[in-house]
N, C-alpha and C. Protein backbone atom coordinates (compact mmCIF):
# COMPACT_ATOMS: atom_id res chain seq x y z
N UNK A 1 121.96 -151.04 -63.51
CA UNK A 1 121.65 -152.31 -64.10
C UNK A 1 122.69 -152.68 -65.16
N UNK A 2 123.19 -151.69 -65.91
CA UNK A 2 124.16 -151.97 -66.96
C UNK A 2 125.45 -152.53 -66.38
N UNK A 3 125.75 -152.21 -65.11
CA UNK A 3 126.97 -152.72 -64.49
C UNK A 3 126.86 -154.20 -64.17
N UNK A 4 125.63 -154.69 -63.94
CA UNK A 4 125.44 -156.08 -63.58
C UNK A 4 125.65 -157.02 -64.77
N UNK A 5 125.48 -156.51 -65.99
CA UNK A 5 125.57 -157.35 -67.18
C UNK A 5 127.00 -157.33 -67.73
N UNK A 6 127.70 -158.45 -67.59
CA UNK A 6 129.08 -158.52 -68.07
C UNK A 6 129.22 -159.46 -69.27
N UNK A 7 128.31 -160.42 -69.40
CA UNK A 7 128.38 -161.36 -70.52
C UNK A 7 127.01 -161.46 -71.18
N UNK A 8 127.00 -162.12 -72.31
CA UNK A 8 125.72 -162.32 -73.02
C UNK A 8 124.78 -163.20 -72.22
N UNK A 9 125.33 -164.15 -71.49
CA UNK A 9 124.48 -165.01 -70.67
C UNK A 9 123.74 -164.20 -69.61
N UNK A 10 124.42 -163.20 -69.03
CA UNK A 10 123.76 -162.33 -68.06
C UNK A 10 122.61 -161.57 -68.71
N UNK A 11 122.84 -161.13 -69.96
CA UNK A 11 121.82 -160.39 -70.67
C UNK A 11 120.61 -161.29 -70.97
N UNK A 12 120.88 -162.53 -71.39
CA UNK A 12 119.79 -163.46 -71.71
C UNK A 12 118.96 -163.77 -70.46
N UNK A 13 119.63 -163.90 -69.33
CA UNK A 13 118.89 -164.20 -68.11
C UNK A 13 118.11 -162.98 -67.61
N UNK A 14 118.59 -161.77 -67.92
CA UNK A 14 117.93 -160.56 -67.45
C UNK A 14 116.67 -160.27 -68.27
N UNK A 15 116.68 -160.65 -69.56
CA UNK A 15 115.54 -160.36 -70.42
C UNK A 15 114.55 -161.52 -70.33
N UNK A 16 113.33 -161.21 -70.00
CA UNK A 16 112.31 -162.26 -69.90
C UNK A 16 111.92 -162.71 -71.30
N UNK A 17 111.83 -163.99 -71.51
CA UNK A 17 111.44 -164.46 -72.85
C UNK A 17 110.00 -164.07 -73.18
N UNK A 18 109.81 -163.58 -74.40
CA UNK A 18 108.49 -163.18 -74.85
C UNK A 18 107.91 -164.32 -75.67
N UNK A 19 106.86 -164.91 -75.17
CA UNK A 19 106.24 -166.03 -75.88
C UNK A 19 104.97 -165.54 -76.55
N UNK A 20 104.92 -165.80 -77.86
CA UNK A 20 103.73 -165.44 -78.61
C UNK A 20 102.89 -166.69 -78.82
N UNK A 21 101.67 -166.61 -78.39
CA UNK A 21 100.78 -167.75 -78.57
C UNK A 21 100.14 -167.66 -79.94
N UNK A 22 100.04 -168.81 -80.61
CA UNK A 22 99.36 -168.84 -81.89
C UNK A 22 97.87 -168.58 -81.66
N UNK A 23 97.26 -167.82 -82.55
CA UNK A 23 95.83 -167.54 -82.35
C UNK A 23 95.02 -168.83 -82.42
N UNK A 24 94.10 -168.97 -81.50
CA UNK A 24 93.25 -170.15 -81.47
C UNK A 24 92.16 -169.94 -82.53
N UNK A 25 92.14 -170.83 -83.51
CA UNK A 25 91.18 -170.70 -84.61
C UNK A 25 89.89 -171.42 -84.24
N UNK A 26 88.80 -170.76 -84.52
CA UNK A 26 87.47 -171.33 -84.28
C UNK A 26 86.93 -171.92 -85.58
N UNK A 27 86.19 -173.01 -85.51
CA UNK A 27 85.56 -173.54 -86.72
C UNK A 27 84.56 -172.54 -87.28
N UNK A 28 84.50 -172.45 -88.61
CA UNK A 28 83.58 -171.54 -89.28
C UNK A 28 82.58 -172.39 -90.06
N UNK A 29 81.33 -172.42 -89.59
CA UNK A 29 80.29 -173.23 -90.23
C UNK A 29 79.01 -172.41 -90.30
N UNK A 30 78.18 -172.73 -91.32
CA UNK A 30 76.89 -172.04 -91.43
C UNK A 30 75.83 -172.77 -90.62
N UNK A 31 74.57 -172.29 -90.72
CA UNK A 31 73.50 -172.87 -89.89
C UNK A 31 73.18 -174.31 -90.27
N UNK A 32 73.60 -174.76 -91.46
CA UNK A 32 73.38 -176.14 -91.88
C UNK A 32 74.56 -177.05 -91.56
N UNK A 33 75.56 -176.51 -90.87
CA UNK A 33 76.72 -177.30 -90.49
C UNK A 33 77.74 -177.47 -91.60
N UNK A 34 77.69 -176.60 -92.61
CA UNK A 34 78.62 -176.69 -93.74
C UNK A 34 79.71 -175.64 -93.59
N UNK A 35 80.85 -175.94 -94.21
CA UNK A 35 81.93 -174.96 -94.31
C UNK A 35 82.04 -174.57 -95.78
N UNK A 36 82.23 -173.28 -96.05
CA UNK A 36 82.29 -172.76 -97.42
C UNK A 36 83.64 -172.14 -97.68
N UNK A 37 84.16 -172.35 -98.90
CA UNK A 37 85.40 -171.70 -99.29
C UNK A 37 85.42 -171.55 -100.81
N UNK A 38 86.21 -170.60 -101.27
CA UNK A 38 86.39 -170.36 -102.69
C UNK A 38 87.80 -170.78 -103.08
N UNK A 39 87.91 -171.60 -104.11
CA UNK A 39 89.21 -172.03 -104.60
C UNK A 39 89.45 -171.48 -105.99
N UNK A 40 90.71 -171.19 -106.30
CA UNK A 40 91.05 -170.63 -107.61
C UNK A 40 92.29 -171.30 -108.17
N UNK A 41 92.30 -171.45 -109.49
CA UNK A 41 93.47 -171.99 -110.20
C UNK A 41 93.35 -171.55 -111.65
N UNK A 42 94.39 -170.94 -112.20
CA UNK A 42 94.36 -170.39 -113.56
C UNK A 42 93.14 -169.48 -113.69
N UNK A 43 92.26 -169.74 -114.66
CA UNK A 43 91.06 -168.90 -114.81
C UNK A 43 89.84 -169.51 -114.15
N UNK A 44 89.99 -170.63 -113.47
CA UNK A 44 88.85 -171.33 -112.87
C UNK A 44 88.60 -170.85 -111.44
N UNK A 45 87.33 -170.71 -111.10
CA UNK A 45 86.92 -170.33 -109.74
C UNK A 45 85.91 -171.35 -109.26
N UNK A 46 86.17 -171.94 -108.11
CA UNK A 46 85.27 -172.97 -107.56
C UNK A 46 84.70 -172.50 -106.23
N UNK A 47 83.39 -172.64 -106.08
CA UNK A 47 82.72 -172.39 -104.80
C UNK A 47 82.44 -173.76 -104.20
N UNK A 48 82.94 -174.00 -102.99
CA UNK A 48 82.91 -175.35 -102.41
C UNK A 48 82.26 -175.31 -101.04
N UNK A 49 81.30 -176.22 -100.83
CA UNK A 49 80.68 -176.44 -99.52
C UNK A 49 81.00 -177.87 -99.10
N UNK A 50 81.42 -178.05 -97.86
CA UNK A 50 81.63 -179.41 -97.34
C UNK A 50 80.80 -179.58 -96.07
N UNK A 51 80.33 -180.81 -95.86
CA UNK A 51 79.60 -181.15 -94.63
C UNK A 51 79.87 -182.61 -94.33
N UNK A 52 79.73 -183.03 -93.09
CA UNK A 52 79.96 -184.44 -92.76
C UNK A 52 79.03 -185.33 -93.56
N UNK A 53 79.59 -186.44 -94.04
CA UNK A 53 78.79 -187.34 -94.86
C UNK A 53 79.56 -188.60 -95.19
N UNK A 54 79.25 -189.14 -96.39
CA UNK A 54 79.80 -190.44 -96.78
C UNK A 54 80.87 -190.33 -97.86
N UNK A 55 81.30 -189.13 -98.21
CA UNK A 55 82.34 -188.97 -99.22
C UNK A 55 81.81 -188.72 -100.61
N UNK A 56 80.56 -188.31 -100.73
CA UNK A 56 79.96 -188.04 -102.04
C UNK A 56 80.41 -186.68 -102.54
N UNK A 57 80.89 -186.62 -103.79
CA UNK A 57 81.38 -185.37 -104.37
C UNK A 57 80.53 -185.01 -105.57
N UNK A 58 79.90 -183.83 -105.54
CA UNK A 58 79.09 -183.33 -106.65
C UNK A 58 79.74 -182.05 -107.17
N UNK A 59 79.99 -182.02 -108.49
CA UNK A 59 80.58 -180.84 -109.12
C UNK A 59 79.62 -180.39 -110.21
N UNK A 60 79.10 -179.17 -110.09
CA UNK A 60 78.14 -178.61 -111.04
C UNK A 60 76.94 -179.55 -111.25
N UNK A 61 76.47 -180.18 -110.18
CA UNK A 61 75.31 -181.04 -110.25
C UNK A 61 75.57 -182.44 -110.79
N UNK A 62 76.83 -182.75 -111.08
CA UNK A 62 77.17 -184.09 -111.59
C UNK A 62 78.07 -184.81 -110.60
N UNK A 63 78.07 -186.14 -110.69
CA UNK A 63 78.97 -186.94 -109.87
C UNK A 63 80.42 -186.65 -110.27
N UNK A 64 81.34 -186.90 -109.36
CA UNK A 64 82.76 -186.66 -109.62
C UNK A 64 83.23 -187.44 -110.84
N UNK A 65 82.83 -188.71 -110.94
CA UNK A 65 83.32 -189.56 -112.03
C UNK A 65 82.81 -189.11 -113.40
N UNK A 66 81.65 -188.48 -113.46
CA UNK A 66 81.14 -188.05 -114.76
C UNK A 66 81.65 -186.66 -115.14
N UNK A 67 81.89 -185.77 -114.16
CA UNK A 67 82.37 -184.44 -114.50
C UNK A 67 83.87 -184.47 -114.80
N UNK A 68 84.65 -185.08 -113.91
CA UNK A 68 86.08 -185.24 -114.14
C UNK A 68 86.32 -186.70 -114.51
N UNK A 69 86.28 -186.99 -115.81
CA UNK A 69 86.37 -188.38 -116.28
C UNK A 69 87.79 -188.94 -116.14
N UNK A 70 88.81 -188.08 -116.25
CA UNK A 70 90.18 -188.58 -116.19
C UNK A 70 90.54 -188.92 -114.74
N UNK A 71 91.14 -190.10 -114.52
CA UNK A 71 91.49 -190.52 -113.15
C UNK A 71 92.46 -189.55 -112.46
N UNK A 72 93.31 -188.88 -113.24
CA UNK A 72 94.27 -187.94 -112.64
C UNK A 72 93.53 -186.78 -111.98
N UNK A 73 92.48 -186.30 -112.63
CA UNK A 73 91.73 -185.17 -112.07
C UNK A 73 90.96 -185.61 -110.83
N UNK A 74 90.45 -186.84 -110.82
CA UNK A 74 89.76 -187.35 -109.63
C UNK A 74 90.74 -187.50 -108.48
N UNK A 75 91.97 -187.93 -108.78
CA UNK A 75 92.99 -188.07 -107.75
C UNK A 75 93.33 -186.71 -107.14
N UNK A 76 93.40 -185.68 -107.99
CA UNK A 76 93.71 -184.32 -107.52
C UNK A 76 92.66 -183.88 -106.50
N UNK A 77 91.39 -184.18 -106.78
CA UNK A 77 90.31 -183.77 -105.86
C UNK A 77 90.36 -184.52 -104.54
N UNK A 78 90.85 -185.75 -104.55
CA UNK A 78 90.87 -186.56 -103.32
C UNK A 78 92.09 -186.29 -102.45
N UNK A 79 93.09 -185.60 -102.97
CA UNK A 79 94.33 -185.38 -102.22
C UNK A 79 94.13 -184.69 -100.87
N UNK A 80 93.34 -183.62 -100.76
CA UNK A 80 93.20 -182.98 -99.45
C UNK A 80 92.65 -183.92 -98.38
N UNK A 81 91.71 -184.78 -98.76
CA UNK A 81 91.13 -185.71 -97.79
C UNK A 81 92.16 -186.74 -97.33
N UNK A 82 93.00 -187.21 -98.26
CA UNK A 82 94.02 -188.20 -97.90
C UNK A 82 95.07 -187.59 -97.00
N UNK A 83 95.50 -186.36 -97.30
CA UNK A 83 96.52 -185.70 -96.48
C UNK A 83 95.99 -185.43 -95.08
N UNK A 84 94.70 -185.01 -95.01
CA UNK A 84 94.11 -184.68 -93.71
C UNK A 84 93.66 -185.94 -92.96
N UNK A 85 93.60 -187.08 -93.65
CA UNK A 85 93.19 -188.32 -93.00
C UNK A 85 91.70 -188.41 -92.74
N UNK A 86 90.88 -187.80 -93.60
CA UNK A 86 89.44 -187.80 -93.41
C UNK A 86 88.73 -188.33 -94.67
N UNK A 87 89.28 -189.38 -95.27
CA UNK A 87 88.71 -189.94 -96.49
C UNK A 87 87.30 -190.46 -96.21
N UNK A 88 86.35 -190.14 -97.10
CA UNK A 88 84.95 -190.58 -97.02
C UNK A 88 84.25 -190.12 -95.74
N UNK A 89 84.64 -188.98 -95.21
CA UNK A 89 83.97 -188.43 -94.03
C UNK A 89 83.19 -187.16 -94.34
N UNK A 90 83.41 -186.58 -95.54
CA UNK A 90 82.76 -185.32 -95.89
C UNK A 90 82.11 -185.43 -97.26
N UNK A 91 80.92 -184.83 -97.40
CA UNK A 91 80.28 -184.67 -98.70
C UNK A 91 80.68 -183.30 -99.24
N UNK A 92 80.90 -183.24 -100.54
CA UNK A 92 81.35 -182.00 -101.18
C UNK A 92 80.33 -181.58 -102.23
N UNK A 93 79.95 -180.32 -102.19
CA UNK A 93 79.09 -179.71 -103.21
C UNK A 93 79.90 -178.55 -103.78
N UNK A 94 80.20 -178.60 -105.09
CA UNK A 94 81.04 -177.56 -105.69
C UNK A 94 80.41 -177.06 -106.98
N UNK A 95 80.51 -175.76 -107.20
CA UNK A 95 80.19 -175.17 -108.49
C UNK A 95 81.45 -174.50 -108.99
N UNK A 96 81.80 -174.77 -110.23
CA UNK A 96 83.06 -174.27 -110.77
C UNK A 96 82.80 -173.66 -112.13
N UNK A 97 83.45 -172.52 -112.39
CA UNK A 97 83.30 -171.80 -113.66
C UNK A 97 84.67 -171.39 -114.17
N UNK A 98 84.78 -171.28 -115.48
CA UNK A 98 85.98 -170.76 -116.11
C UNK A 98 87.08 -171.79 -116.25
N UNK A 99 88.00 -171.50 -117.15
CA UNK A 99 89.16 -172.35 -117.34
C UNK A 99 88.83 -173.69 -117.98
N UNK A 100 89.80 -174.58 -117.99
CA UNK A 100 89.61 -175.92 -118.51
C UNK A 100 89.47 -176.91 -117.38
N UNK A 101 89.39 -178.18 -117.72
CA UNK A 101 89.17 -179.20 -116.70
C UNK A 101 90.31 -179.28 -115.69
N UNK A 102 91.54 -179.15 -116.15
CA UNK A 102 92.68 -179.22 -115.24
C UNK A 102 92.67 -178.07 -114.24
N UNK A 103 92.41 -176.86 -114.74
CA UNK A 103 92.33 -175.71 -113.84
C UNK A 103 91.15 -175.81 -112.90
N UNK A 104 90.04 -176.36 -113.38
CA UNK A 104 88.87 -176.53 -112.52
C UNK A 104 89.13 -177.54 -111.42
N UNK A 105 89.84 -178.63 -111.75
CA UNK A 105 90.17 -179.62 -110.72
C UNK A 105 91.08 -178.99 -109.66
N UNK A 106 92.04 -178.19 -110.08
CA UNK A 106 92.92 -177.50 -109.13
C UNK A 106 92.16 -176.51 -108.27
N UNK A 107 91.17 -175.83 -108.87
CA UNK A 107 90.37 -174.87 -108.12
C UNK A 107 89.51 -175.57 -107.08
N UNK A 108 88.93 -176.70 -107.44
CA UNK A 108 88.10 -177.44 -106.48
C UNK A 108 88.98 -177.99 -105.36
N UNK A 109 90.18 -178.47 -105.69
CA UNK A 109 91.09 -178.96 -104.65
C UNK A 109 91.45 -177.83 -103.68
N UNK A 110 91.72 -176.65 -104.21
CA UNK A 110 92.05 -175.50 -103.37
C UNK A 110 90.86 -175.14 -102.47
N UNK A 111 89.65 -175.16 -103.04
CA UNK A 111 88.46 -174.86 -102.26
C UNK A 111 88.19 -175.90 -101.18
N UNK A 112 88.37 -177.18 -101.51
CA UNK A 112 88.16 -178.24 -100.53
C UNK A 112 89.14 -178.08 -99.37
N UNK A 113 90.40 -177.78 -99.70
CA UNK A 113 91.42 -177.62 -98.66
C UNK A 113 91.08 -176.46 -97.73
N UNK A 114 90.67 -175.32 -98.31
CA UNK A 114 90.32 -174.17 -97.48
C UNK A 114 89.09 -174.46 -96.63
N UNK A 115 88.11 -175.15 -97.20
CA UNK A 115 86.90 -175.47 -96.45
C UNK A 115 87.19 -176.46 -95.32
N UNK A 116 88.07 -177.43 -95.58
CA UNK A 116 88.43 -178.40 -94.52
C UNK A 116 89.08 -177.71 -93.34
N UNK A 117 89.99 -176.77 -93.62
CA UNK A 117 90.66 -176.11 -92.50
C UNK A 117 89.73 -175.13 -91.79
N UNK A 118 88.70 -174.65 -92.47
CA UNK A 118 87.70 -173.83 -91.78
C UNK A 118 86.78 -174.70 -90.93
N UNK A 119 86.43 -175.89 -91.44
CA UNK A 119 85.55 -176.79 -90.70
C UNK A 119 86.25 -177.32 -89.45
N UNK A 120 87.51 -177.75 -89.62
CA UNK A 120 88.29 -178.27 -88.49
C UNK A 120 89.68 -177.64 -88.52
N UNK A 121 89.92 -176.58 -87.74
CA UNK A 121 91.21 -175.90 -87.77
C UNK A 121 92.39 -176.80 -87.42
N UNK A 122 92.15 -177.95 -86.81
CA UNK A 122 93.24 -178.87 -86.49
C UNK A 122 93.88 -179.49 -87.73
N UNK A 123 93.16 -179.47 -88.86
CA UNK A 123 93.68 -180.04 -90.09
C UNK A 123 94.59 -179.07 -90.85
N UNK A 124 94.65 -177.82 -90.38
CA UNK A 124 95.38 -176.78 -91.12
C UNK A 124 96.85 -177.11 -91.31
N UNK A 125 97.50 -177.64 -90.29
CA UNK A 125 98.95 -177.89 -90.37
C UNK A 125 99.28 -178.89 -91.47
N UNK A 126 98.52 -179.98 -91.56
CA UNK A 126 98.79 -180.99 -92.58
C UNK A 126 98.51 -180.44 -93.97
N UNK A 127 97.42 -179.69 -94.13
CA UNK A 127 97.07 -179.15 -95.44
C UNK A 127 98.08 -178.09 -95.88
N UNK A 128 98.54 -177.29 -94.93
CA UNK A 128 99.50 -176.24 -95.27
C UNK A 128 100.85 -176.85 -95.63
N UNK A 129 101.26 -177.89 -94.91
CA UNK A 129 102.53 -178.56 -95.21
C UNK A 129 102.51 -179.19 -96.60
N UNK A 130 101.34 -179.67 -97.03
CA UNK A 130 101.23 -180.26 -98.37
C UNK A 130 101.11 -179.20 -99.45
N UNK A 131 100.92 -177.93 -99.06
CA UNK A 131 100.86 -176.85 -100.03
C UNK A 131 99.49 -176.65 -100.65
N UNK A 132 98.44 -177.20 -100.05
CA UNK A 132 97.11 -177.12 -100.64
C UNK A 132 96.38 -175.82 -100.31
N UNK A 133 96.86 -175.07 -99.32
CA UNK A 133 96.18 -173.83 -98.95
C UNK A 133 96.73 -172.64 -99.72
N UNK A 134 97.81 -172.85 -100.45
CA UNK A 134 98.41 -171.77 -101.22
C UNK A 134 97.77 -171.71 -102.60
N UNK A 135 97.33 -170.53 -103.00
CA UNK A 135 96.74 -170.37 -104.31
C UNK A 135 97.85 -170.39 -105.35
N UNK A 136 97.74 -171.29 -106.32
CA UNK A 136 98.74 -171.38 -107.38
C UNK A 136 98.51 -170.21 -108.33
N UNK A 137 99.39 -169.22 -108.30
CA UNK A 137 99.14 -167.96 -108.98
C UNK A 137 99.56 -167.97 -110.45
N UNK A 138 100.03 -169.11 -110.95
CA UNK A 138 100.46 -169.14 -112.36
C UNK A 138 99.24 -169.06 -113.27
N UNK A 139 99.25 -168.08 -114.15
CA UNK A 139 98.18 -167.91 -115.13
C UNK A 139 98.81 -167.72 -116.51
N UNK A 140 98.00 -167.88 -117.54
CA UNK A 140 98.51 -167.75 -118.90
C UNK A 140 98.88 -166.29 -119.16
N UNK A 141 100.04 -166.09 -119.74
CA UNK A 141 100.51 -164.74 -120.04
C UNK A 141 99.74 -164.19 -121.23
N UNK A 142 99.42 -162.91 -121.20
CA UNK A 142 98.61 -162.33 -122.27
C UNK A 142 99.43 -162.13 -123.53
N UNK A 143 98.74 -162.10 -124.66
CA UNK A 143 99.39 -161.86 -125.94
C UNK A 143 99.75 -160.38 -126.05
N UNK A 144 100.96 -160.10 -126.55
CA UNK A 144 101.42 -158.71 -126.74
C UNK A 144 101.27 -158.33 -128.21
N UNK A 145 101.03 -157.06 -128.45
CA UNK A 145 100.94 -156.59 -129.83
C UNK A 145 102.33 -156.65 -130.46
N UNK A 146 102.38 -156.91 -131.75
CA UNK A 146 103.66 -157.04 -132.43
C UNK A 146 104.29 -158.41 -132.26
N UNK A 147 103.59 -159.33 -131.58
CA UNK A 147 104.09 -160.68 -131.37
C UNK A 147 103.05 -161.67 -131.87
N UNK A 148 103.54 -162.87 -132.24
CA UNK A 148 102.61 -163.90 -132.70
C UNK A 148 101.81 -164.48 -131.54
N UNK A 149 102.49 -164.67 -130.39
CA UNK A 149 101.84 -165.15 -129.17
C UNK A 149 102.30 -164.25 -128.04
N UNK A 150 102.36 -164.76 -126.83
CA UNK A 150 102.77 -163.92 -125.70
C UNK A 150 104.22 -163.46 -125.86
N UNK A 151 105.09 -164.39 -126.28
CA UNK A 151 106.51 -164.04 -126.43
C UNK A 151 107.07 -164.36 -127.81
N UNK A 152 106.43 -165.28 -128.54
CA UNK A 152 106.95 -165.72 -129.83
C UNK A 152 106.81 -164.60 -130.86
N UNK A 153 107.91 -164.32 -131.55
CA UNK A 153 107.89 -163.31 -132.60
C UNK A 153 107.45 -163.92 -133.91
N UNK A 154 107.08 -163.06 -134.84
CA UNK A 154 106.77 -163.53 -136.18
C UNK A 154 108.06 -164.04 -136.83
N UNK A 155 107.92 -164.90 -137.85
CA UNK A 155 109.09 -165.47 -138.50
C UNK A 155 109.90 -164.37 -139.17
N UNK A 156 111.23 -164.44 -138.95
CA UNK A 156 112.12 -163.42 -139.49
C UNK A 156 112.65 -163.90 -140.85
N UNK A 157 112.61 -163.01 -141.84
CA UNK A 157 113.12 -163.33 -143.17
C UNK A 157 114.24 -162.36 -143.49
N UNK A 158 115.42 -162.91 -143.76
CA UNK A 158 116.57 -162.05 -144.05
C UNK A 158 116.42 -161.41 -145.42
N UNK A 159 115.86 -162.15 -146.38
CA UNK A 159 115.70 -161.62 -147.74
C UNK A 159 114.25 -161.71 -148.18
């Protein structure tokens, strides 16, 4: 067989192409037809359930507009639905703990994105391309001993 192969083209034609099929993802839903996911950002952790509905978002038992009063935070929560093209098609129930409002909004967005791709695996490509399925791992650096803050030293006095 080695005598038959004289060029790279002969080698390419002799080797059968190996095609790997992407795993077919199945929707993951509970008995109530909801998809569940956990989202994280900074110190905030959000537990998110989504189900088909009219676009109502409840965070810790409050409406979206009353829990996240700043329009920027509300926009952050709506981003996954806009990217996936399913605005006002899902109701969201979220409980979030830890961190500040900005970190909590990021955690809920991460949870919504993960839950959407579990509910409908066809939405995964758009959400992944937008970067919503990646956990933002940036957290506050801890304070070190001998320092005023994480990196800032105490004021130096020459005399």
